[in-house]
Amino acid sequence: MATYSKRGYKAPKEKEEKDTTEDVVIAEKDSTTAGVFSTLDETAGKTEAFVAKNQNWIIGVVGAVALVTIGYLVYQKFIAEPKQLEAADEMFVAQFNFQQATDGVASDSLYKLSLNGSEGKFGFIKIADEYSGTDAGNLANYYAGIAFLNTGKYTEAIDYLGKFKSEDIVLSGLAKGAIGDAYAENNQPEEALKNYIKAAETNKNDFITPRYLLKAGKTALALGKKEDALKYFTDIKDNYDASPEAASIDVLIGLAQ
């Protein structure tokens, strides 16, 4: 039996199965997103509840921080800065007297003027006391200590130099070394040695270090500590051979051996 195909006739396509994978993925994403938002809503709710419950405390803390910050800025602007300028102005005459004394002009009397004041201006003692906490007040401690050292007031020198604090590699070392000098003059060689070593080890440099290594070595030698003295003298020879302190170091090494 013959089979005829009707012109234009197309066989019906098989019904395509719908891919549900994408729908599942989207559904999962929607579910995850909904979970995240749910968690966020829950967290936000807890935060709001905490804030509502503790708002007075929170406001108090924020207010306290603001007050501290504003107070610090006001202090710096209207108290600390003017005080620093005032201290620097007061110290000008004392510094001038100190410099003249250092240059050898009527040293004792000028050192005393630098300490006690003149021409209506404070001396270093008053400045250190009245302007403590300022840079000028701190520096006045150093000047006062050196002035006392040069006028034979060794206990006072140690006291004032001990109050001086500085990050300057020269001044910090000089202050510790001057304390050592005051102890040495006060016949306290053990304390002198300790401070000479501190001075030598404070920010080692070619100016300060060999100076106080030499003093430490001589003091150790006088105390009968030859081994320590040899160590300090050898340090100068090995590491600071271009310094003035190295000029006669071989002789001192010979004495320490």
C-alpha atoms as a PDB file:
ATOM      1  CA  MET A   1       0.000   0.000   0.000  1.00  0.00           C
ATOM      2  CA  ALA A   2       1.524   3.278  -1.100  1.00  0.00           C
ATOM      3  CA  THR A   3       2.146   6.080   1.374  1.00  0.00           C
ATOM      4  CA  TYR A   4       1.801   9.626   0.204  1.00  0.00           C
ATOM      5  CA  SER A   5       3.202  12.753   1.827  1.00  0.00           C
ATOM      6  CA  LYS A   6       0.974  15.683   1.822  1.00  0.00           C
ATOM      7  CA  ARG A   7       2.696  18.764   0.353  1.00  0.00           C
ATOM      8  CA  GLY A   8       3.827  21.078   3.131  1.00  0.00           C
ATOM      9  CA  TYR A   9       3.289  18.510   5.752  1.00  0.00           C
ATOM     10  CA  LYS A  10       5.828  18.396   8.576  1.00  0.00           C
ATOM     11  CA  ALA A  11       6.045  15.748  11.148  1.00  0.00           C
ATOM     12  CA  PRO A  12       5.238  17.116  14.612  1.00  0.00           C
ATOM     13  CA  LYS A  13       8.296  17.756  16.816  1.00  0.00           C
ATOM     14  CA  GLU A  14       8.665  15.906  19.993  1.00  0.00           C
ATOM     15  CA  LYS A  15       7.650  17.979  22.965  1.00  0.00           C
ATOM     16  CA  GLU A  16      10.757  19.515  24.583  1.00  0.00           C
ATOM     17  CA  GLU A  17      11.202  18.874  28.257  1.00  0.00           C
ATOM     18  CA  LYS A  18      11.559  22.079  30.241  1.00  0.00           C
ATOM     19  CA  ASP A  19      14.957  22.446  31.995  1.00  0.00           C
ATOM     20  CA  THR A  20      14.144  23.118  35.619  1.00  0.00           C
ATOM     21  CA  THR A  21      17.788  23.380  36.794  1.00  0.00           C
ATOM     22  CA  GLU A  22      17.906  27.157  36.310  1.00  0.00           C
ATOM     23  CA  ASP A  23      14.682  27.582  38.264  1.00  0.00           C
ATOM     24  CA  VAL A  24      16.123  25.523  41.100  1.00  0.00           C
ATOM     25  CA  VAL A  25      19.316  27.637  41.192  1.00  0.00           C
ATOM     26  CA  ILE A  26      17.315  30.868  41.172  1.00  0.00           C
ATOM     27  CA  ALA A  27      15.076  29.524  43.890  1.00  0.00           C
ATOM     28  CA  GLU A  28      18.103  28.622  45.983  1.00  0.00           C
ATOM     29  CA  LYS A  29      19.604  32.089  45.441  1.00  0.00           C
ATOM     30  CA  ASP A  30      16.336  33.691  46.411  1.00  0.00           C
ATOM     31  CA  SER A  31      16.212  31.523  49.488  1.00  0.00           C
ATOM     32  CA  THR A  32      19.813  32.406  50.484  1.00  0.00           C
ATOM     33  CA  THR A  33      19.260  36.115  49.852  1.00  0.00           C
ATOM     34  CA  ALA A  34      16.112  36.016  51.882  1.00  0.00           C
ATOM     35  CA  GLY A  35      18.057  34.321  54.682  1.00  0.00           C
ATOM     36  CA  VAL A  36      20.772  36.963  54.590  1.00  0.00           C
ATOM     37  CA  PHE A  37      18.224  39.773  54.710  1.00  0.00           C
ATOM     38  CA  SER A  38      16.437  37.993  57.493  1.00  0.00           C
ATOM     39  CA  THR A  39      19.681  37.756  59.477  1.00  0.00           C
ATOM     40  CA  LEU A  40      20.463  41.407  58.783  1.00  0.00           C
ATOM     41  CA  ASP A  41      17.000  42.423  59.869  1.00  0.00           C
ATOM     42  CA  GLU A  42      17.396  40.399  63.040  1.00  0.00           C
ATOM     43  CA  THR A  43      20.838  41.938  63.757  1.00  0.00           C
ATOM     44  CA  ALA A  44      19.566  45.433  63.021  1.00  0.00           C
ATOM     45  CA  GLY A  45      16.675  44.813  65.317  1.00  0.00           C
ATOM     46  CA  LYS A  46      18.971  43.737  68.131  1.00  0.00           C
ATOM     47  CA  THR A  47      21.228  46.763  67.524  1.00  0.00           C
ATOM     48  CA  GLU A  48      18.283  49.121  67.584  1.00  0.00           C
ATOM     49  CA  ALA A  49      17.080  47.506  70.779  1.00  0.00           C
ATOM     50  CA  PHE A  50      20.534  47.846  72.359  1.00  0.00           C
ATOM     51  CA  VAL A  51      20.782  51.502  71.315  1.00  0.00           C
ATOM     52  CA  ALA A  52      17.293  52.230  72.590  1.00  0.00           C
ATOM     53  CA  LYS A  53      18.041  50.546  75.893  1.00  0.00           C
ATOM     54  CA  ASN A  54      21.464  52.134  76.379  1.00  0.00           C
ATOM     55  CA  GLN A  55      21.113  55.425  74.562  1.00  0.00           C
ATOM     56  CA  ASN A  56      21.820  57.525  77.652  1.00  0.00           C
ATOM     57  CA  TRP A  57      25.046  55.629  78.293  1.00  0.00           C
ATOM     58  CA  ILE A  58      26.112  55.859  74.623  1.00  0.00           C
ATOM     59  CA  ILE A  59      25.374  59.572  74.496  1.00  0.00           C
ATOM     60  CA  GLY A  60      27.371  60.007  77.697  1.00  0.00           C
ATOM     61  CA  VAL A  61      30.410  58.169  76.283  1.00  0.00           C
ATOM     62  CA  VAL A  62      30.307  60.078  72.987  1.00  0.00           C
ATOM     63  CA  GLY A  63      29.912  63.325  74.894  1.00  0.00           C
ATOM     64  CA  ALA A  64      32.838  62.495  77.170  1.00  0.00           C
ATOM     65  CA  VAL A  65      35.104  61.704  74.198  1.00  0.00           C
ATOM     66  CA  ALA A  66      34.060  64.941  72.517  1.00  0.00           C
ATOM     67  CA  LEU A  67      34.724  66.922  75.694  1.00  0.00           C
ATOM     68  CA  VAL A  68      38.178  65.365  76.109  1.00  0.00           C
ATOM     69  CA  THR A  69      39.066  66.115  72.489  1.00  0.00           C
ATOM     70  CA  ILE A  70      37.794  69.675  72.654  1.00  0.00           C
ATOM     71  CA  GLY A  71      39.443  70.159  76.042  1.00  0.00           C
ATOM     72  CA  TYR A  72      42.802  68.995  74.677  1.00  0.00           C
ATOM     73  CA  LEU A  73      42.572  71.324  71.672  1.00  0.00           C
ATOM     74  CA  VAL A  74      41.570  74.259  73.884  1.00  0.00           C
ATOM     75  CA  TYR A  75      44.419  73.474  76.306  1.00  0.00           C
ATOM     76  CA  GLN A  76      46.962  73.330  73.480  1.00  0.00           C
ATOM     77  CA  LYS A  77      45.723  76.517  71.835  1.00  0.00           C
ATOM     78  CA  PHE A  78      44.996  78.759  74.792  1.00  0.00           C
ATOM     79  CA  ILE A  79      47.164  77.402  77.609  1.00  0.00           C
ATOM     80  CA  ALA A  80      50.104  75.252  76.452  1.00  0.00           C
ATOM     81  CA  GLU A  81      51.203  77.349  73.471  1.00  0.00           C
ATOM     82  CA  PRO A  82      51.023  80.741  75.259  1.00  0.00           C
ATOM     83  CA  LYS A  83      52.766  79.192  78.285  1.00  0.00           C
ATOM     84  CA  GLN A  84      55.554  77.871  76.085  1.00  0.00           C
ATOM     85  CA  LEU A  85      56.045  81.296  74.479  1.00  0.00           C
ATOM     86  CA  GLU A  86      55.978  82.982  77.877  1.00  0.00           C
ATOM     87  CA  ALA A  87      58.601  80.535  79.224  1.00  0.00           C
ATOM     88  CA  ALA A  88      60.855  81.099  76.222  1.00  0.00           C
ATOM     89  CA  ASP A  89      60.617  84.868  76.747  1.00  0.00           C
ATOM     90  CA  GLU A  90      61.456  84.502  80.441  1.00  0.00           C
ATOM     91  CA  MET A  91      64.448  82.283  79.655  1.00  0.00           C
ATOM     92  CA  PHE A  92      66.180  84.633  77.217  1.00  0.00           C
ATOM     93  CA  VAL A  93      68.090  86.609  79.873  1.00  0.00           C
ATOM     94  CA  ALA A  94      69.012  83.468  81.822  1.00  0.00           C
ATOM     95  CA  GLN A  95      70.394  81.874  78.658  1.00  0.00           C
ATOM     96  CA  PHE A  96      72.425  84.992  77.912  1.00  0.00           C
ATOM     97  CA  ASN A  97      73.962  84.960  81.402  1.00  0.00           C
ATOM     98  CA  PHE A  98      74.666  81.247  81.090  1.00  0.00           C
ATOM     99  CA  GLN A  99      76.416  81.695  77.753  1.00  0.00           C
ATOM    100  CA  GLN A 100      78.535  84.541  79.111  1.00  0.00           C
ATOM    101  CA  ALA A 101      79.519  82.366  82.075  1.00  0.00           C
ATOM    102  CA  THR A 102      80.411  79.479  79.748  1.00  0.00           C
ATOM    103  CA  ASP A 103      82.624  81.840  77.750  1.00  0.00           C
ATOM    104  CA  GLY A 104      84.532  82.612  80.963  1.00  0.00           C
ATOM    105  CA  VAL A 105      83.157  86.083  81.782  1.00  0.00           C
ATOM    106  CA  ALA A 106      82.759  86.326  85.593  1.00  0.00           C
ATOM    107  CA  SER A 107      81.610  82.730  85.501  1.00  0.00           C
ATOM    108  CA  ASP A 108      80.474  82.094  89.078  1.00  0.00           C
ATOM    109  CA  SER A 109      78.390  85.240  89.421  1.00  0.00           C
ATOM    110  CA  LEU A 110      76.831  84.840  85.977  1.00  0.00           C
ATOM    111  CA  TYR A 111      75.979  81.208  86.576  1.00  0.00           C
ATOM    112  CA  LYS A 112      74.233  82.299  89.771  1.00  0.00           C
ATOM    113  CA  LEU A 113      72.336  84.992  87.879  1.00  0.00           C
ATOM    114  CA  SER A 114      71.287  82.432  85.293  1.00  0.00           C
ATOM    115  CA  LEU A 115      69.971  80.252  88.112  1.00  0.00           C
ATOM    116  CA  ASN A 116      68.233  82.916  90.188  1.00  0.00           C
ATOM    117  CA  GLY A 117      67.198  85.463  87.552  1.00  0.00           C
ATOM    118  CA  SER A 118      68.023  89.082  86.745  1.00  0.00           C
ATOM    119  CA  GLU A 119      66.637  92.158  84.971  1.00  0.00           C
ATOM    120  CA  GLY A 120      63.131  91.261  86.105  1.00  0.00           C
ATOM    121  CA  LYS A 121      63.251  87.849  84.429  1.00  0.00           C
ATOM    122  CA  PHE A 122      63.157  84.409  85.987  1.00  0.00           C
ATOM    123  CA  GLY A 123      66.240  82.256  86.346  1.00  0.00           C
ATOM    124  CA  PHE A 124      66.398  78.581  85.379  1.00  0.00           C
ATOM    125  CA  ILE A 125      65.241  77.403  88.820  1.00  0.00           C
ATOM    126  CA  LYS A 126      62.005  79.376  88.636  1.00  0.00           C
ATOM    127  CA  ILE A 127      61.427  78.572  84.978  1.00  0.00           C
ATOM    128  CA  ALA A 128      61.836  74.835  85.585  1.00  0.00           C
ATOM    129  CA  ASP A 129      59.285  75.063  88.379  1.00  0.00           C
ATOM    130  CA  GLU A 130      56.759  77.523  86.926  1.00  0.00           C
ATOM    131  CA  TYR A 131      56.801  76.076  83.407  1.00  0.00           C
ATOM    132  CA  SER A 132      57.204  72.375  84.084  1.00  0.00           C
ATOM    133  CA  GLY A 133      55.609  70.390  81.306  1.00  0.00           C
ATOM    134  CA  THR A 134      56.782  72.776  78.597  1.00  0.00           C
ATOM    135  CA  ASP A 135      59.844  72.367  76.381  1.00  0.00           C
ATOM    136  CA  ALA A 136      61.354  75.497  77.925  1.00  0.00           C
ATOM    137  CA  GLY A 137      60.766  74.200  81.449  1.00  0.00           C
ATOM    138  CA  ASN A 138      62.424  70.906  80.545  1.00  0.00           C
ATOM    139  CA  LEU A 139      65.423  72.669  78.994  1.00  0.00           C
ATOM    140  CA  ALA A 140      65.712  74.869  82.087  1.00  0.00           C
ATOM    141  CA  ASN A 141      66.407  71.679  84.064  1.00  0.00           C
ATOM    142  CA  TYR A 142      69.426  70.998  81.865  1.00  0.00           C
ATOM    143  CA  TYR A 143      70.764  74.557  82.118  1.00  0.00           C
ATOM    144  CA  ALA A 144      70.226  74.609  85.883  1.00  0.00           C
ATOM    145  CA  GLY A 145      72.033  71.288  86.279  1.00  0.00           C
ATOM    146  CA  ILE A 146      75.067  72.477  84.324  1.00  0.00           C
ATOM    147  CA  ALA A 147      75.100  75.797  86.193  1.00  0.00           C
ATOM    148  CA  PHE A 148      75.003  73.998  89.550  1.00  0.00           C
ATOM    149  CA  LEU A 149      77.767  71.645  88.378  1.00  0.00           C
ATOM    150  CA  ASN A 150      79.974  74.604  87.484  1.00  0.00           C
ATOM    151  CA  THR A 151      79.377  76.314  90.824  1.00  0.00           C
ATOM    152  CA  GLY A 152      80.185  73.247  92.924  1.00  0.00           C
ATOM    153  CA  LYS A 153      76.586  72.360  93.870  1.00  0.00           C
ATOM    154  CA  TYR A 154      76.836  68.712  92.874  1.00  0.00           C
ATOM    155  CA  THR A 155      73.741  67.315  94.601  1.00  0.00           C
ATOM    156  CA  GLU A 156      71.581  70.025  92.999  1.00  0.00           C
ATOM    157  CA  ALA A 157      73.245  69.360  89.642  1.00  0.00           C
ATOM    158  CA  ILE A 158      72.349  65.668  89.829  1.00  0.00           C
ATOM    159  CA  ASP A 159      68.768  66.520  90.803  1.00  0.00           C
ATOM    160  CA  TYR A 160      68.110  68.933  87.932  1.00  0.00           C
ATOM    161  CA  LEU A 161      69.957  66.938  85.283  1.00  0.00           C
ATOM    162  CA  GLY A 162      67.992  63.859  86.333  1.00  0.00           C
ATOM    163  CA  LYS A 163      64.742  65.685  85.541  1.00  0.00           C
ATOM    164  CA  PHE A 164      65.866  66.602  82.029  1.00  0.00           C
ATOM    165  CA  LYS A 165      64.485  64.438  79.208  1.00  0.00           C
ATOM    166  CA  SER A 166      65.451  64.741  75.567  1.00  0.00           C
ATOM    167  CA  GLU A 167      65.442  62.771  72.332  1.00  0.00           C
ATOM    168  CA  ASP A 168      68.371  64.859  71.069  1.00  0.00           C
ATOM    169  CA  ILE A 169      71.334  62.481  70.760  1.00  0.00           C
ATOM    170  CA  VAL A 170      73.841  65.096  71.921  1.00  0.00           C
ATOM    171  CA  LEU A 171      71.952  66.710  74.805  1.00  0.00           C
ATOM    172  CA  SER A 172      70.704  63.408  76.233  1.00  0.00           C
ATOM    173  CA  GLY A 173      74.240  62.031  76.291  1.00  0.00           C
ATOM    174  CA  LEU A 174      75.718  65.233  77.706  1.00  0.00           C
ATOM    175  CA  ALA A 175      73.138  65.291  80.511  1.00  0.00           C
ATOM    176  CA  LYS A 176      73.974  61.739  81.591  1.00  0.00           C
ATOM    177  CA  GLY A 177      77.689  62.485  81.306  1.00  0.00           C
ATOM    178  CA  ALA A 178      77.297  65.640  83.395  1.00  0.00           C
ATOM    179  CA  ILE A 179      75.552  63.579  86.083  1.00  0.00           C
ATOM    180  CA  GLY A 180      78.621  61.345  86.012  1.00  0.00           C
ATOM    181  CA  ASP A 181      80.857  64.411  86.444  1.00  0.00           C
ATOM    182  CA  ALA A 182      78.772  65.571  89.419  1.00  0.00           C
ATOM    183  CA  TYR A 183      79.088  62.175  91.095  1.00  0.00           C
ATOM    184  CA  ALA A 184      82.830  62.130  90.388  1.00  0.00           C
ATOM    185  CA  GLU A 185      83.259  65.587  91.938  1.00  0.00           C
ATOM    186  CA  ASN A 186      81.146  64.451  94.892  1.00  0.00           C
ATOM    187  CA  ASN A 187      83.578  61.560  95.446  1.00  0.00           C
ATOM    188  CA  GLN A 188      81.113  58.880  94.318  1.00  0.00           C
ATOM    189  CA  PRO A 189      83.142  57.077  91.615  1.00  0.00           C
ATOM    190  CA  GLU A 190      80.896  54.014  91.347  1.00  0.00           C
ATOM    191  CA  GLU A 191      77.870  56.199  90.505  1.00  0.00           C
ATOM    192  CA  ALA A 192      80.039  58.281  88.216  1.00  0.00           C
ATOM    193  CA  LEU A 193      81.102  55.167  86.303  1.00  0.00           C
ATOM    194  CA  LYS A 194      77.489  54.019  85.861  1.00  0.00           C
ATOM    195  CA  ASN A 195      76.497  57.360  84.350  1.00  0.00           C
ATOM    196  CA  TYR A 196      79.562  57.590  82.108  1.00  0.00           C
ATOM    197  CA  ILE A 197      78.633  54.209  80.674  1.00  0.00           C
ATOM    198  CA  LYS A 198      75.022  55.347  80.166  1.00  0.00           C
ATOM    199  CA  ALA A 199      76.260  58.473  78.409  1.00  0.00           C
ATOM    200  CA  ALA A 200      78.571  56.463  76.153  1.00  0.00           C
ATOM    201  CA  GLU A 201      75.816  54.023  75.222  1.00  0.00           C
ATOM    202  CA  THR A 202      73.125  56.647  74.598  1.00  0.00           C
ATOM    203  CA  ASN A 203      72.751  56.945  70.819  1.00  0.00           C
ATOM    204  CA  LYS A 204      76.368  56.167  70.002  1.00  0.00           C
ATOM    205  CA  ASN A 205      78.099  58.835  67.959  1.00  0.00           C
ATOM    206  CA  ASP A 206      81.622  60.149  67.280  1.00  0.00           C
ATOM    207  CA  PHE A 207      81.244  63.167  69.563  1.00  0.00           C
ATOM    208  CA  ILE A 208      79.693  61.852  72.780  1.00  0.00           C
ATOM    209  CA  THR A 209      80.671  58.184  72.878  1.00  0.00           C
ATOM    210  CA  PRO A 210      84.504  58.383  72.929  1.00  0.00           C
ATOM    211  CA  ARG A 211      84.411  61.236  75.461  1.00  0.00           C
ATOM    212  CA  TYR A 212      82.534  59.204  78.027  1.00  0.00           C
ATOM    213  CA  LEU A 213      84.220  55.920  77.185  1.00  0.00           C
ATOM    214  CA  LEU A 214      87.463  57.655  78.143  1.00  0.00           C
ATOM    215  CA  LYS A 215      85.984  58.936  81.419  1.00  0.00           C
ATOM    216  CA  ALA A 216      84.504  55.511  82.125  1.00  0.00           C
ATOM    217  CA  GLY A 217      87.876  53.876  81.464  1.00  0.00           C
ATOM    218  CA  LYS A 218      89.785  56.267  83.709  1.00  0.00           C
ATOM    219  CA  THR A 219      87.226  55.899  86.488  1.00  0.00           C
ATOM    220  CA  ALA A 220      87.266  52.100  86.194  1.00  0.00           C
ATOM    221  CA  LEU A 221      91.080  52.177  86.297  1.00  0.00           C
ATOM    222  CA  ALA A 222      90.992  54.296  89.465  1.00  0.00           C
ATOM    223  CA  LEU A 223      88.593  51.774  91.016  1.00  0.00           C
ATOM    224  CA  GLY A 224      90.976  48.925  90.207  1.00  0.00           C
ATOM    225  CA  LYS A 225      88.673  47.502  87.524  1.00  0.00           C
ATOM    226  CA  LYS A 226      91.408  47.018  84.949  1.00  0.00           C
ATOM    227  CA  GLU A 227      89.484  44.564  82.813  1.00  0.00           C
ATOM    228  CA  ASP A 228      86.577  46.995  82.414  1.00  0.00           C
ATOM    229  CA  ALA A 229      88.951  49.895  81.807  1.00  0.00           C
ATOM    230  CA  LEU A 230      90.723  47.916  79.078  1.00  0.00           C
ATOM    231  CA  LYS A 231      87.369  47.218  77.405  1.00  0.00           C
ATOM    232  CA  TYR A 232      86.455  50.914  77.277  1.00  0.00           C
ATOM    233  CA  PHE A 233      89.900  52.012  76.070  1.00  0.00           C
ATOM    234  CA  THR A 234      89.957  49.305  73.390  1.00  0.00           C
ATOM    235  CA  ASP A 235      86.522  50.389  72.181  1.00  0.00           C
ATOM    236  CA  ILE A 236      87.933  53.876  71.568  1.00  0.00           C
ATOM    237  CA  LYS A 237      90.971  52.499  69.735  1.00  0.00           C
ATOM    238  CA  ASP A 238      88.930  50.146  67.538  1.00  0.00           C
ATOM    239  CA  ASN A 239      85.903  52.309  66.771  1.00  0.00           C
ATOM    240  CA  TYR A 240      86.809  55.957  67.405  1.00  0.00           C
ATOM    241  CA  ASP A 241      90.444  56.143  66.371  1.00  0.00           C
ATOM    242  CA  ALA A 242      89.949  59.569  64.722  1.00  0.00           C
ATOM    243  CA  SER A 243      88.628  61.159  67.928  1.00  0.00           C
ATOM    244  CA  PRO A 244      90.772  63.377  70.194  1.00  0.00           C
ATOM    245  CA  GLU A 245      90.291  60.794  72.955  1.00  0.00           C
ATOM    246  CA  ALA A 246      92.244  58.250  70.887  1.00  0.00           C
ATOM    247  CA  ALA A 247      95.420  60.352  70.877  1.00  0.00           C
ATOM    248  CA  SER A 248      96.897  58.791  74.027  1.00  0.00           C
ATOM    249  CA  ILE A 249      94.795  55.669  74.162  1.00  0.00           C
ATOM    250  CA  ASP A 250      97.736  53.262  73.724  1.00  0.00           C
ATOM    251  CA  VAL A 251      99.292  54.517  76.957  1.00  0.00           C
ATOM    252  CA  LEU A 252      96.022  53.978  78.832  1.00  0.00           C
ATOM    253  CA  ILE A 253      95.629  50.517  77.321  1.00  0.00           C
ATOM    254  CA  GLY A 254      99.122  49.714  78.586  1.00  0.00           C
ATOM    255  CA  LEU A 255      98.126  50.806  82.106  1.00  0.00           C
ATOM    256  CA  ALA A 256      94.999  48.665  82.014  1.00  0.00           C
ATOM    257  CA  GLN A 257      96.779  45.483  80.862  1.00  0.00           C
END
